[in-house]
Amino acid sequence: MADEATGATAGDTGSGSGSGQVRIGTVQSSSFSIGGSNNTNTVHTGGTGADTPGAEELLEAVRELRAALVRLPRGADRTALDAELDEAAGELEEAGEIRPGLPARLRGTLERWAPLVESVNAAAALGGLLASLGG
């Protein structure tokens, strides 16, 4: 079955060589899910400026990620990540708005600590909100 948005077909490897590669074209106003190692992360894309998350929604996503991290082993990496998320949450609570630079800092945090949060669905949810903020 072909996907109308991407032109991809079920089992399409992108190269036709059976290499196991998957090719995804443009995805607009859709949701998609990518998973491996029994982990599934869903990212919602598309929409208009009216769908841009506000400070409260972003704060809730940061809090959900912070809560999900409690299940991970404690170590220096997790302590540093916790501190970065706490700082972002504090800024959102204090300002009541998304200040310039905060989405970029949070994106950097997710990228920097990707090995630590890659299996945490809350990280994908926060990433989706940050993507809808652009930049």
N, C-alpha and C. Protein backbone atom coordinates (compact mmCIF):
# COMPACT_ATOMS: atom_id res chain seq x y z
N MET A 1 0.86 -1.17 0.00
CA MET A 1 0.00 0.00 0.00
C MET A 1 0.90 1.23 0.00
N ALA A 2 0.64 2.20 -0.87
CA ALA A 2 1.45 3.41 -0.96
C ALA A 2 0.94 4.47 -0.02
N ASP A 3 1.86 5.22 0.56
CA ASP A 3 1.53 6.35 1.42
C ASP A 3 1.40 7.57 0.53
N GLU A 4 0.24 8.22 0.57
CA GLU A 4 -0.01 9.35 -0.32
C GLU A 4 0.92 10.51 -0.05
N ALA A 5 1.29 10.77 1.21
CA ALA A 5 2.12 11.92 1.55
C ALA A 5 3.56 11.74 1.10
N THR A 6 4.09 10.52 1.16
CA THR A 6 5.50 10.32 0.88
C THR A 6 5.76 9.55 -0.40
N GLY A 7 4.77 8.83 -0.88
CA GLY A 7 4.98 7.99 -2.03
C GLY A 7 5.66 6.68 -1.66
N ALA A 8 5.93 6.48 -0.38
CA ALA A 8 6.59 5.26 0.07
C ALA A 8 5.58 4.12 0.10
N THR A 9 6.09 2.93 0.01
CA THR A 9 5.23 1.76 0.09
C THR A 9 5.66 0.92 1.27
N ALA A 10 4.73 0.09 1.75
CA ALA A 10 5.06 -0.80 2.86
C ALA A 10 6.22 -1.67 2.42
N GLY A 11 7.23 -1.74 3.25
CA GLY A 11 8.40 -2.54 2.93
C GLY A 11 9.38 -1.83 2.02
N ASP A 12 9.10 -0.60 1.64
CA ASP A 12 9.99 0.17 0.78
C ASP A 12 11.30 0.42 1.50
N THR A 13 12.41 0.04 0.91
CA THR A 13 13.70 0.24 1.55
C THR A 13 14.40 1.48 1.03
N GLY A 14 13.78 2.19 0.14
CA GLY A 14 14.36 3.42 -0.37
C GLY A 14 15.35 3.18 -1.48
N SER A 15 16.20 2.18 -1.36
CA SER A 15 17.22 1.95 -2.37
C SER A 15 16.87 0.79 -3.28
N GLY A 16 15.89 0.01 -2.88
CA GLY A 16 15.50 -1.13 -3.68
C GLY A 16 16.48 -2.29 -3.59
N SER A 17 17.53 -2.12 -2.80
CA SER A 17 18.55 -3.16 -2.72
C SER A 17 18.36 -4.09 -1.54
N GLY A 18 17.28 -3.88 -0.76
CA GLY A 18 17.06 -4.72 0.39
C GLY A 18 18.00 -4.37 1.54
N SER A 19 18.52 -3.14 1.54
CA SER A 19 19.50 -2.74 2.55
C SER A 19 18.87 -2.42 3.90
N GLY A 20 17.55 -2.38 3.98
CA GLY A 20 16.89 -2.09 5.24
C GLY A 20 16.73 -0.61 5.50
N GLN A 21 17.11 0.23 4.55
CA GLN A 21 16.94 1.67 4.71
C GLN A 21 15.51 2.05 4.42
N VAL A 22 15.02 3.05 5.12
CA VAL A 22 13.67 3.54 4.91
C VAL A 22 13.75 4.96 4.42
N ARG A 23 13.02 5.29 3.37
CA ARG A 23 13.01 6.64 2.82
C ARG A 23 11.68 7.27 3.17
N ILE A 24 11.73 8.44 3.81
CA ILE A 24 10.51 9.17 4.12
C ILE A 24 10.59 10.50 3.40
N GLY A 25 9.61 10.78 2.58
CA GLY A 25 9.55 12.05 1.88
C GLY A 25 9.00 13.12 2.79
N THR A 26 8.26 14.04 2.26
CA THR A 26 7.69 15.13 3.03
C THR A 26 6.48 14.64 3.82
N VAL A 27 6.43 15.05 5.09
CA VAL A 27 5.28 14.72 5.94
C VAL A 27 4.70 16.04 6.40
N GLN A 28 3.44 16.28 6.07
CA GLN A 28 2.79 17.53 6.45
C GLN A 28 1.44 17.23 7.07
N SER A 29 1.11 17.99 8.12
CA SER A 29 -0.18 17.87 8.80
C SER A 29 -0.52 16.41 9.09
N SER A 30 0.45 15.69 9.58
CA SER A 30 0.29 14.27 9.85
C SER A 30 0.98 13.93 11.16
N SER A 31 0.81 12.72 11.57
CA SER A 31 1.63 12.21 12.66
C SER A 31 2.29 10.96 12.16
N PHE A 32 3.45 10.66 12.71
CA PHE A 32 4.13 9.44 12.31
C PHE A 32 4.84 8.89 13.52
N SER A 33 5.18 7.62 13.43
CA SER A 33 5.82 6.97 14.55
C SER A 33 7.02 6.21 14.04
N ILE A 34 8.12 6.35 14.76
CA ILE A 34 9.35 5.65 14.40
C ILE A 34 9.81 4.94 15.66
N GLY A 35 10.12 3.68 15.56
CA GLY A 35 10.54 2.96 16.77
C GLY A 35 11.56 1.91 16.45
N GLY A 36 12.32 1.56 17.42
CA GLY A 36 13.30 0.51 17.32
C GLY A 36 13.56 -0.02 18.70
N SER A 37 14.08 -1.19 18.80
CA SER A 37 14.39 -1.79 20.10
C SER A 37 13.18 -1.76 21.02
N ASN A 38 12.01 -2.00 20.47
CA ASN A 38 10.76 -2.01 21.21
C ASN A 38 10.40 -0.66 21.80
N ASN A 39 10.95 0.44 21.27
CA ASN A 39 10.61 1.79 21.69
C ASN A 39 9.88 2.48 20.55
N THR A 40 8.83 3.18 20.84
CA THR A 40 8.08 3.91 19.83
C THR A 40 7.97 5.36 20.26
N ASN A 41 8.33 6.25 19.36
CA ASN A 41 8.21 7.68 19.61
C ASN A 41 7.33 8.26 18.53
N THR A 42 6.31 9.00 18.90
CA THR A 42 5.39 9.59 17.95
C THR A 42 5.60 11.09 17.94
N VAL A 43 5.70 11.64 16.73
CA VAL A 43 5.88 13.08 16.58
C VAL A 43 4.75 13.59 15.71
N HIS A 44 4.07 14.61 16.16
CA HIS A 44 3.00 15.23 15.40
C HIS A 44 3.56 16.46 14.72
N THR A 45 3.28 16.59 13.42
CA THR A 45 3.78 17.74 12.67
C THR A 45 2.64 18.46 12.00
N GLY A 46 2.96 19.62 11.46
CA GLY A 46 1.97 20.37 10.69
C GLY A 46 1.23 21.36 11.54
N GLY A 47 0.22 21.93 10.96
CA GLY A 47 -0.60 22.87 11.70
C GLY A 47 -0.24 24.30 11.36
N THR A 48 -0.95 25.23 11.97
CA THR A 48 -0.73 26.64 11.73
C THR A 48 -0.19 27.28 12.99
N GLY A 49 0.07 28.55 12.94
CA GLY A 49 0.54 29.28 14.10
C GLY A 49 -0.40 29.14 15.28
N ALA A 50 -1.68 28.92 15.02
CA ALA A 50 -2.66 28.77 16.09
C ALA A 50 -2.36 27.53 16.92
N ASP A 51 -1.63 26.57 16.33
CA ASP A 51 -1.30 25.34 17.04
C ASP A 51 0.02 25.46 17.81
N THR A 52 0.66 26.62 17.77
CA THR A 52 1.92 26.81 18.46
C THR A 52 1.69 26.70 19.96
N PRO A 53 2.47 25.88 20.63
CA PRO A 53 2.26 25.70 22.07
C PRO A 53 2.60 26.97 22.85
N GLY A 54 1.92 27.14 23.95
CA GLY A 54 2.21 28.24 24.84
C GLY A 54 3.15 27.82 25.94
N ALA A 55 3.46 28.75 26.82
CA ALA A 55 4.39 28.49 27.91
C ALA A 55 3.90 27.37 28.81
N GLU A 56 2.60 27.34 29.09
CA GLU A 56 2.06 26.32 30.00
C GLU A 56 2.20 24.92 29.39
N GLU A 57 1.93 24.79 28.11
CA GLU A 57 2.05 23.49 27.44
C GLU A 57 3.51 23.04 27.40
N LEU A 58 4.42 23.97 27.12
CA LEU A 58 5.84 23.64 27.10
C LEU A 58 6.32 23.27 28.50
N LEU A 59 5.87 24.01 29.51
CA LEU A 59 6.23 23.71 30.90
C LEU A 59 5.75 22.32 31.28
N GLU A 60 4.55 21.96 30.90
CA GLU A 60 4.01 20.64 31.21
C GLU A 60 4.86 19.54 30.55
N ALA A 61 5.30 19.77 29.31
CA ALA A 61 6.13 18.78 28.62
C ALA A 61 7.48 18.63 29.31
N VAL A 62 8.06 19.74 29.76
CA VAL A 62 9.33 19.68 30.48
C VAL A 62 9.14 18.91 31.79
N ARG A 63 8.06 19.19 32.49
CA ARG A 63 7.78 18.48 33.75
C ARG A 63 7.57 16.98 33.52
N GLU A 64 6.87 16.63 32.43
CA GLU A 64 6.64 15.21 32.13
C GLU A 64 7.95 14.49 31.84
N LEU A 65 8.84 15.16 31.10
CA LEU A 65 10.15 14.55 30.83
C LEU A 65 10.92 14.39 32.13
N ARG A 66 10.90 15.41 32.94
CA ARG A 66 11.60 15.38 34.23
C ARG A 66 11.08 14.22 35.09
N ALA A 67 9.77 14.04 35.12
CA ALA A 67 9.17 12.94 35.90
C ALA A 67 9.56 11.58 35.31
N ALA A 68 9.61 11.47 33.99
CA ALA A 68 9.96 10.21 33.35
C ALA A 68 11.42 9.83 33.64
N LEU A 69 12.27 10.83 33.82
CA LEU A 69 13.69 10.56 34.07
C LEU A 69 13.93 9.92 35.43
N VAL A 70 12.98 10.04 36.33
CA VAL A 70 13.14 9.45 37.67
C VAL A 70 13.36 7.94 37.56
N ARG A 71 12.86 7.33 36.51
CA ARG A 71 12.98 5.88 36.33
C ARG A 71 14.36 5.46 35.84
N LEU A 72 15.16 6.44 35.36
CA LEU A 72 16.49 6.13 34.85
C LEU A 72 17.50 6.09 36.00
N PRO A 73 18.58 5.34 35.81
CA PRO A 73 19.61 5.28 36.86
C PRO A 73 20.20 6.67 37.12
N ARG A 74 20.50 6.93 38.37
CA ARG A 74 21.07 8.22 38.78
C ARG A 74 22.56 8.21 38.45
N GLY A 75 23.02 9.29 37.89
CA GLY A 75 24.44 9.43 37.57
C GLY A 75 24.72 10.88 37.21
N ALA A 76 25.96 11.17 36.89
CA ALA A 76 26.37 12.55 36.58
C ALA A 76 25.60 13.09 35.38
N ASP A 77 25.42 12.26 34.34
CA ASP A 77 24.69 12.71 33.15
C ASP A 77 23.26 13.08 33.49
N ARG A 78 22.60 12.20 34.22
CA ARG A 78 21.20 12.49 34.56
C ARG A 78 21.10 13.69 35.48
N THR A 79 22.03 13.87 36.37
CA THR A 79 22.03 15.03 37.26
C THR A 79 22.16 16.31 36.45
N ALA A 80 23.03 16.31 35.45
CA ALA A 80 23.22 17.50 34.60
C ALA A 80 21.95 17.77 33.78
N LEU A 81 21.35 16.72 33.23
CA LEU A 81 20.12 16.87 32.47
C LEU A 81 19.00 17.40 33.37
N ASP A 82 18.88 16.83 34.56
CA ASP A 82 17.87 17.31 35.51
C ASP A 82 18.03 18.81 35.77
N ALA A 83 19.26 19.24 35.95
CA ALA A 83 19.53 20.66 36.24
C ALA A 83 19.10 21.55 35.07
N GLU A 84 19.39 21.11 33.84
CA GLU A 84 19.01 21.90 32.66
C GLU A 84 17.49 21.99 32.54
N LEU A 85 16.80 20.88 32.78
CA LEU A 85 15.33 20.88 32.70
C LEU A 85 14.72 21.71 33.82
N ASP A 86 15.30 21.61 35.02
CA ASP A 86 14.81 22.42 36.14
C ASP A 86 14.96 23.91 35.84
N GLU A 87 16.08 24.29 35.24
CA GLU A 87 16.31 25.69 34.89
C GLU A 87 15.28 26.17 33.87
N ALA A 88 15.01 25.36 32.86
CA ALA A 88 14.01 25.72 31.85
C ALA A 88 12.62 25.83 32.47
N ALA A 89 12.27 24.89 33.34
CA ALA A 89 10.96 24.92 34.00
C ALA A 89 10.85 26.17 34.86
N GLY A 90 11.90 26.50 35.60
CA GLY A 90 11.89 27.70 36.43
C GLY A 90 11.69 28.96 35.61
N GLU A 91 12.35 29.01 34.46
CA GLU A 91 12.20 30.18 33.58
C GLU A 91 10.78 30.30 33.05
N LEU A 92 10.19 29.17 32.66
CA LEU A 92 8.81 29.19 32.17
C LEU A 92 7.84 29.59 33.27
N GLU A 93 8.05 29.08 34.47
CA GLU A 93 7.17 29.43 35.60
C GLU A 93 7.27 30.91 35.94
N GLU A 94 8.50 31.42 35.98
CA GLU A 94 8.74 32.81 36.37
C GLU A 94 8.20 33.79 35.33
N ALA A 95 8.50 33.55 34.08
CA ALA A 95 8.14 34.49 33.02
C ALA A 95 6.68 34.34 32.58
N GLY A 96 6.16 33.11 32.64
CA GLY A 96 4.81 32.88 32.16
C GLY A 96 4.71 32.98 30.65
N GLU A 97 5.86 33.00 29.98
CA GLU A 97 5.92 33.06 28.53
C GLU A 97 7.18 32.35 28.06
N ILE A 98 7.22 32.07 26.77
CA ILE A 98 8.39 31.42 26.20
C ILE A 98 9.33 32.53 25.74
N ARG A 99 10.40 32.73 26.49
CA ARG A 99 11.37 33.77 26.15
C ARG A 99 12.21 33.34 24.96
N PRO A 100 12.66 34.32 24.16
CA PRO A 100 13.54 33.98 23.03
C PRO A 100 14.77 33.21 23.52
N GLY A 101 15.14 32.23 22.78
CA GLY A 101 16.30 31.42 23.11
C GLY A 101 15.98 30.14 23.88
N LEU A 102 14.88 30.13 24.61
CA LEU A 102 14.55 28.94 25.41
C LEU A 102 14.29 27.72 24.53
N PRO A 103 13.48 27.82 23.47
CA PRO A 103 13.29 26.62 22.64
C PRO A 103 14.60 26.08 22.08
N ALA A 104 15.50 26.96 21.65
CA ALA A 104 16.79 26.51 21.12
C ALA A 104 17.62 25.82 22.20
N ARG A 105 17.60 26.36 23.41
CA ARG A 105 18.34 25.73 24.52
C ARG A 105 17.77 24.35 24.84
N LEU A 106 16.44 24.24 24.85
CA LEU A 106 15.82 22.94 25.13
C LEU A 106 16.12 21.94 24.02
N ARG A 107 16.09 22.40 22.75
CA ARG A 107 16.45 21.50 21.65
C ARG A 107 17.89 21.02 21.82
N GLY A 108 18.79 21.94 22.18
CA GLY A 108 20.18 21.57 22.42
C GLY A 108 20.31 20.56 23.54
N THR A 109 19.52 20.74 24.58
CA THR A 109 19.52 19.80 25.71
C THR A 109 19.10 18.41 25.24
N LEU A 110 18.03 18.34 24.46
CA LEU A 110 17.57 17.03 23.97
C LEU A 110 18.61 16.38 23.06
N GLU A 111 19.25 17.19 22.23
CA GLU A 111 20.28 16.64 21.34
C GLU A 111 21.49 16.17 22.13
N ARG A 112 21.94 16.98 23.06
CA ARG A 112 23.13 16.66 23.86
C ARG A 112 22.93 15.38 24.68
N TRP A 113 21.73 15.23 25.23
CA TRP A 113 21.47 14.08 26.10
C TRP A 113 20.65 13.00 25.40
N ALA A 114 20.65 13.00 24.07
CA ALA A 114 19.86 12.02 23.30
C ALA A 114 20.10 10.58 23.73
N PRO A 115 21.35 10.15 23.95
CA PRO A 115 21.54 8.75 24.37
C PRO A 115 20.83 8.43 25.69
N LEU A 116 20.68 9.43 26.53
CA LEU A 116 20.05 9.22 27.83
C LEU A 116 18.53 9.20 27.72
N VAL A 117 17.97 10.02 26.82
CA VAL A 117 16.51 10.17 26.75
C VAL A 117 15.86 9.50 25.55
N GLU A 118 16.64 8.84 24.69
CA GLU A 118 16.08 8.30 23.46
C GLU A 118 14.95 7.31 23.67
N SER A 119 14.93 6.62 24.80
CA SER A 119 13.87 5.64 25.04
C SER A 119 12.72 6.22 25.87
N VAL A 120 12.76 7.51 26.16
CA VAL A 120 11.74 8.15 26.98
C VAL A 120 10.74 8.86 26.06
N ASN A 121 9.51 8.37 26.01
CA ASN A 121 8.50 8.95 25.14
C ASN A 121 8.26 10.42 25.42
N ALA A 122 8.41 10.85 26.67
CA ALA A 122 8.21 12.26 27.02
C ALA A 122 9.20 13.15 26.29
N ALA A 123 10.38 12.64 25.97
CA ALA A 123 11.37 13.41 25.22
C ALA A 123 10.88 13.66 23.79
N ALA A 124 10.25 12.66 23.20
CA ALA A 124 9.69 12.84 21.85
C ALA A 124 8.56 13.85 21.87
N ALA A 125 7.74 13.82 22.91
CA ALA A 125 6.65 14.79 23.01
C ALA A 125 7.19 16.21 23.13
N LEU A 126 8.21 16.40 23.96
CA LEU A 126 8.82 17.71 24.09
C LEU A 126 9.47 18.14 22.78
N GLY A 127 10.13 17.22 22.11
CA GLY A 127 10.73 17.52 20.81
C GLY A 127 9.70 17.95 19.78
N GLY A 128 8.53 17.31 19.80
CA GLY A 128 7.46 17.70 18.87
C GLY A 128 6.97 19.11 19.14
N LEU A 129 6.82 19.47 20.42
CA LEU A 129 6.42 20.85 20.76
C LEU A 129 7.47 21.84 20.31
N LEU A 130 8.73 21.53 20.54
CA LEU A 130 9.81 22.43 20.13
C LEU A 130 9.85 22.59 18.61
N ALA A 131 9.57 21.51 17.89
CA ALA A 131 9.54 21.60 16.43
C ALA A 131 8.43 22.52 15.97
N SER A 132 7.29 22.51 16.67
CA SER A 132 6.19 23.38 16.26
C SER A 132 6.48 24.84 16.57
N LEU A 133 7.47 25.10 17.43
CA LEU A 133 7.88 26.48 17.71
C LEU A 133 8.83 27.01 16.64
N GLY A 134 9.32 26.11 15.78
CA GLY A 134 10.20 26.53 14.70
C GLY A 134 11.61 26.79 15.17
N GLY A 135 12.43 27.23 14.22
CA GLY A 135 13.81 27.62 14.57
C GLY A 135 14.76 26.57 14.65
